[in-house]
């Protein structure tokens, strides 16, 4: 997914997947959780 690529280019790391976390337009969907530690931020 394009938004995940943007986060990874900024240094964010995929920390986990929340399976069947939400409903989008009647379909069950997963959520990805990304994180970035202050010490890893280079901006």
PDB file of N, CA and C in Angstrom:
ATOM      1  N   UNK A   1       0.845  -1.174   0.000  1.00  0.00           N
ATOM      2  CA  UNK A   1       0.000   0.000   0.000  1.00  0.00           C
ATOM      3  C   UNK A   1       0.894   1.243   0.000  1.00  0.00           C
ATOM      4  N   UNK A   2       0.498   2.244  -0.759  1.00  0.00           N
ATOM      5  CA  UNK A   2       1.327   3.445  -0.929  1.00  0.00           C
ATOM      6  C   UNK A   2       1.573   4.184   0.383  1.00  0.00           C
ATOM      7  N   UNK A   3       0.563   4.259   1.237  1.00  0.00           N
ATOM      8  CA  UNK A   3       0.737   4.998   2.492  1.00  0.00           C
ATOM      9  C   UNK A   3       1.771   4.316   3.395  1.00  0.00           C
ATOM     10  N   UNK A   4       1.834   2.988   3.362  1.00  0.00           N
ATOM     11  CA  UNK A   4       2.826   2.262   4.150  1.00  0.00           C
ATOM     12  C   UNK A   4       4.231   2.567   3.637  1.00  0.00           C
ATOM     13  N   UNK A   5       4.383   2.683   2.328  1.00  0.00           N
ATOM     14  CA  UNK A   5       5.695   3.004   1.745  1.00  0.00           C
ATOM     15  C   UNK A   5       6.166   4.385   2.197  1.00  0.00           C
ATOM     16  N   UNK A   6       5.250   5.332   2.272  1.00  0.00           N
ATOM     17  CA  UNK A   6       5.602   6.685   2.718  1.00  0.00           C
ATOM     18  C   UNK A   6       6.095   6.642   4.159  1.00  0.00           C
ATOM     19  N   UNK A   7       5.369   5.937   5.018  1.00  0.00           N
ATOM     20  CA  UNK A   7       5.783   5.832   6.420  1.00  0.00           C
ATOM     21  C   UNK A   7       7.161   5.201   6.547  1.00  0.00           C
ATOM     22  N   UNK A   8       7.409   4.141   5.780  1.00  0.00           N
ATOM     23  CA  UNK A   8       8.702   3.457   5.866  1.00  0.00           C
ATOM     24  C   UNK A   8       9.832   4.338   5.347  1.00  0.00           C
ATOM     25  N   UNK A   9       9.575   5.143   4.327  1.00  0.00           N
ATOM     26  CA  UNK A   9      10.594   6.069   3.825  1.00  0.00           C
ATOM     27  C   UNK A   9      10.944   7.123   4.870  1.00  0.00           C
ATOM     28  N   UNK A  10       9.969   7.445   5.733  1.00  0.00           N
ATOM     29  CA  UNK A  10      10.201   8.422   6.797  1.00  0.00           C
ATOM     30  C   UNK A  10      10.859   7.805   8.025  1.00  0.00           C
ATOM     31  N   UNK A  11      11.055   6.492   8.008  1.00  0.00           N
ATOM     32  CA  UNK A  11      11.736   5.841   9.119  1.00  0.00           C
ATOM     33  C   UNK A  11      10.834   5.072  10.065  1.00  0.00           C
ATOM     34  N   UNK A  12       9.532   5.095   9.835  1.00  0.00           N
ATOM     35  CA  UNK A  12       8.615   4.352  10.689  1.00  0.00           C
ATOM     36  C   UNK A  12       8.809   2.854  10.481  1.00  0.00           C
ATOM     37  N   UNK A  13       8.528   2.074  11.523  1.00  0.00           N
ATOM     38  CA  UNK A  13       8.699   0.627  11.496  1.00  0.00           C
ATOM     39  C   UNK A  13       7.346  -0.019  11.777  1.00  0.00           C
ATOM     40  N   UNK A  14       7.021  -1.037  10.988  1.00  0.00           N
ATOM     41  CA  UNK A  14       5.785  -1.788  11.224  1.00  0.00           C
ATOM     42  C   UNK A  14       5.949  -2.567  12.525  1.00  0.00           C
ATOM     43  N   UNK A  15       5.100  -2.261  13.492  1.00  0.00           N
ATOM     44  CA  UNK A  15       5.211  -2.898  14.806  1.00  0.00           C
ATOM     45  C   UNK A  15       4.197  -4.014  14.997  1.00  0.00           C
ATOM     46  N   UNK A  16       3.141  -4.014  14.212  1.00  0.00           N
ATOM     47  CA  UNK A  16       2.168  -5.089  14.368  1.00  0.00           C
ATOM     48  C   UNK A  16       0.964  -4.915  13.476  1.00  0.00           C
ATOM     49  N   UNK A  17       0.162  -5.972  13.434  1.00  0.00           N
ATOM     50  CA  UNK A  17      -1.079  -5.974  12.665  1.00  0.00           C
ATOM     51  C   UNK A  17      -2.228  -6.294  13.606  1.00  0.00           C
ATOM     52  N   UNK A  18      -3.239  -5.452  13.588  1.00  0.00           N
ATOM     53  CA  UNK A  18      -4.449  -5.707  14.364  1.00  0.00           C
ATOM     54  C   UNK A  18      -5.430  -6.382  13.412  1.00  0.00           C
ATOM     55  N   UNK A  19      -5.536  -7.692  13.531  1.00  0.00           N
ATOM     56  CA  UNK A  19      -6.349  -8.466  12.607  1.00  0.00           C
ATOM     57  C   UNK A  19      -7.833  -8.239  12.852  1.00  0.00           C
ATOM     58  N   UNK A  20      -8.554  -8.026  11.741  1.00  0.00           N
ATOM     59  CA  UNK A  20      -9.999  -7.804  11.766  1.00  0.00           C
ATOM     60  C   UNK A  20     -10.369  -6.736  12.791  1.00  0.00           C
ATOM     61  N   UNK A  21      -9.648  -5.632  12.737  1.00  0.00           N
ATOM     62  CA  UNK A  21      -9.763  -4.558  13.727  1.00  0.00           C
ATOM     63  C   UNK A  21     -10.945  -3.626  13.479  1.00  0.00           C
ATOM     64  N   UNK A  22     -11.303  -3.424  12.224  1.00  0.00           N
ATOM     65  CA  UNK A  22     -12.363  -2.458  11.951  1.00  0.00           C
ATOM     66  C   UNK A  22     -13.191  -2.892  10.750  1.00  0.00           C
ATOM     67  N   UNK A  23     -14.298  -2.207  10.554  1.00  0.00           N
ATOM     68  CA  UNK A  23     -15.179  -2.486   9.420  1.00  0.00           C
ATOM     69  C   UNK A  23     -15.167  -1.274   8.505  1.00  0.00           C
ATOM     70  N   UNK A  24     -14.846  -1.495   7.231  1.00  0.00           N
ATOM     71  CA  UNK A  24     -14.787  -0.432   6.236  1.00  0.00           C
ATOM     72  C   UNK A  24     -15.768  -0.789   5.121  1.00  0.00           C
ATOM     73  N   UNK A  25     -16.777   0.044   4.951  1.00  0.00           N
ATOM     74  CA  UNK A  25     -17.804  -0.204   3.921  1.00  0.00           C
ATOM     75  C   UNK A  25     -18.393  -1.608   4.019  1.00  0.00           C
ATOM     76  N   UNK A  26     -18.604  -2.072   5.223  1.00  0.00           N
ATOM     77  CA  UNK A  26     -19.197  -3.376   5.448  1.00  0.00           C
ATOM     78  C   UNK A  26     -18.228  -4.540   5.390  1.00  0.00           C
ATOM     79  N   UNK A  27     -16.967  -4.273   5.082  1.00  0.00           N
ATOM     80  CA  UNK A  27     -15.955  -5.324   5.017  1.00  0.00           C
ATOM     81  C   UNK A  27     -15.040  -5.249   6.228  1.00  0.00           C
ATOM     82  N   UNK A  28     -14.730  -6.406   6.803  1.00  0.00           N
ATOM     83  CA  UNK A  28     -13.799  -6.452   7.931  1.00  0.00           C
ATOM     84  C   UNK A  28     -12.397  -6.186   7.389  1.00  0.00           C
ATOM     85  N   UNK A  29     -11.653  -5.348   8.091  1.00  0.00           N
ATOM     86  CA  UNK A  29     -10.334  -4.934   7.619  1.00  0.00           C
ATOM     87  C   UNK A  29      -9.314  -5.010   8.751  1.00  0.00           C
ATOM     88  N   UNK A  30      -8.063  -5.248   8.367  1.00  0.00           N
ATOM     89  CA  UNK A  30      -6.959  -5.233   9.321  1.00  0.00           C
ATOM     90  C   UNK A  30      -6.419  -3.805   9.454  1.00  0.00           C
ATOM     91  N   UNK A  31      -5.734  -3.535  10.552  1.00  0.00           N
ATOM     92  CA  UNK A  31      -5.039  -2.268  10.744  1.00  0.00           C
ATOM     93  C   UNK A  31      -3.568  -2.547  10.983  1.00  0.00           C
ATOM     94  N   UNK A  32      -2.714  -1.744  10.406  1.00  0.00           N
ATOM     95  CA  UNK A  32      -1.285  -1.856  10.631  1.00  0.00           C
ATOM     96  C   UNK A  32      -0.869  -0.779  11.609  1.00  0.00           C
ATOM     97  N   UNK A  33      -0.014  -1.129  12.543  1.00  0.00           N
ATOM     98  CA  UNK A  33       0.465  -0.184  13.546  1.00  0.00           C
ATOM     99  C   UNK A  33       1.935   0.106  13.265  1.00  0.00           C
ATOM    100  N   UNK A  34       2.230   1.388  13.023  1.00  0.00           N
ATOM    101  CA  UNK A  34       3.606   1.820  12.763  1.00  0.00           C
ATOM    102  C   UNK A  34       4.073   2.675  13.922  1.00  0.00           C
ATOM    103  N   UNK A  35       5.369   2.625  14.195  1.00  0.00           N
ATOM    104  CA  UNK A  35       5.929   3.427  15.261  1.00  0.00           C
ATOM    105  C   UNK A  35       7.262   4.027  14.867  1.00  0.00           C
ATOM    106  N   UNK A  36       7.606   5.110  15.549  1.00  0.00           N
ATOM    107  CA  UNK A  36       8.882   5.777  15.325  1.00  0.00           C
ATOM    108  C   UNK A  36       9.373   6.298  16.671  1.00  0.00           C
ATOM    109  N   UNK A  37      10.545   5.866  17.080  1.00  0.00           N
ATOM    110  CA  UNK A  37      11.120   6.352  18.325  1.00  0.00           C
ATOM    111  C   UNK A  37      11.748   7.724  18.109  1.00  0.00           C
ATOM    112  N   UNK A  38      11.662   8.544  19.123  1.00  0.00           N
ATOM    113  CA  UNK A  38      12.235   9.899  19.021  1.00  0.00           C
ATOM    114  C   UNK A  38      13.712   9.847  18.621  1.00  0.00           C
ATOM    115  N   UNK A  39      14.451   8.883  19.182  1.00  0.00           N
ATOM    116  CA  UNK A  39      15.882   8.813  18.885  1.00  0.00           C
ATOM    117  C   UNK A  39      16.159   8.412  17.439  1.00  0.00           C
ATOM    118  N   UNK A  40      15.173   7.828  16.755  1.00  0.00           N
ATOM    119  CA  UNK A  40      15.346   7.416  15.353  1.00  0.00           C
ATOM    120  C   UNK A  40      14.905   8.482  14.367  1.00  0.00           C
ATOM    121  N   UNK A  41      14.273   9.550  14.848  1.00  0.00           N
ATOM    122  CA  UNK A  41      13.786  10.609  13.972  1.00  0.00           C
ATOM    123  C   UNK A  41      14.970  11.436  13.462  1.00  0.00           C
ATOM    124  N   UNK A  42      15.059  11.621  12.154  1.00  0.00           N
ATOM    125  CA  UNK A  42      16.175  12.367  11.573  1.00  0.00           C
ATOM    126  C   UNK A  42      15.724  13.678  10.961  1.00  0.00           C
ATOM    127  N   UNK A  43      14.426  13.992  11.056  1.00  0.00           N
ATOM    128  CA  UNK A  43      13.874  15.206  10.446  1.00  0.00           C
ATOM    129  C   UNK A  43      14.209  16.390  11.216  1.00  0.00           C
TER     130      UNK A  43
END
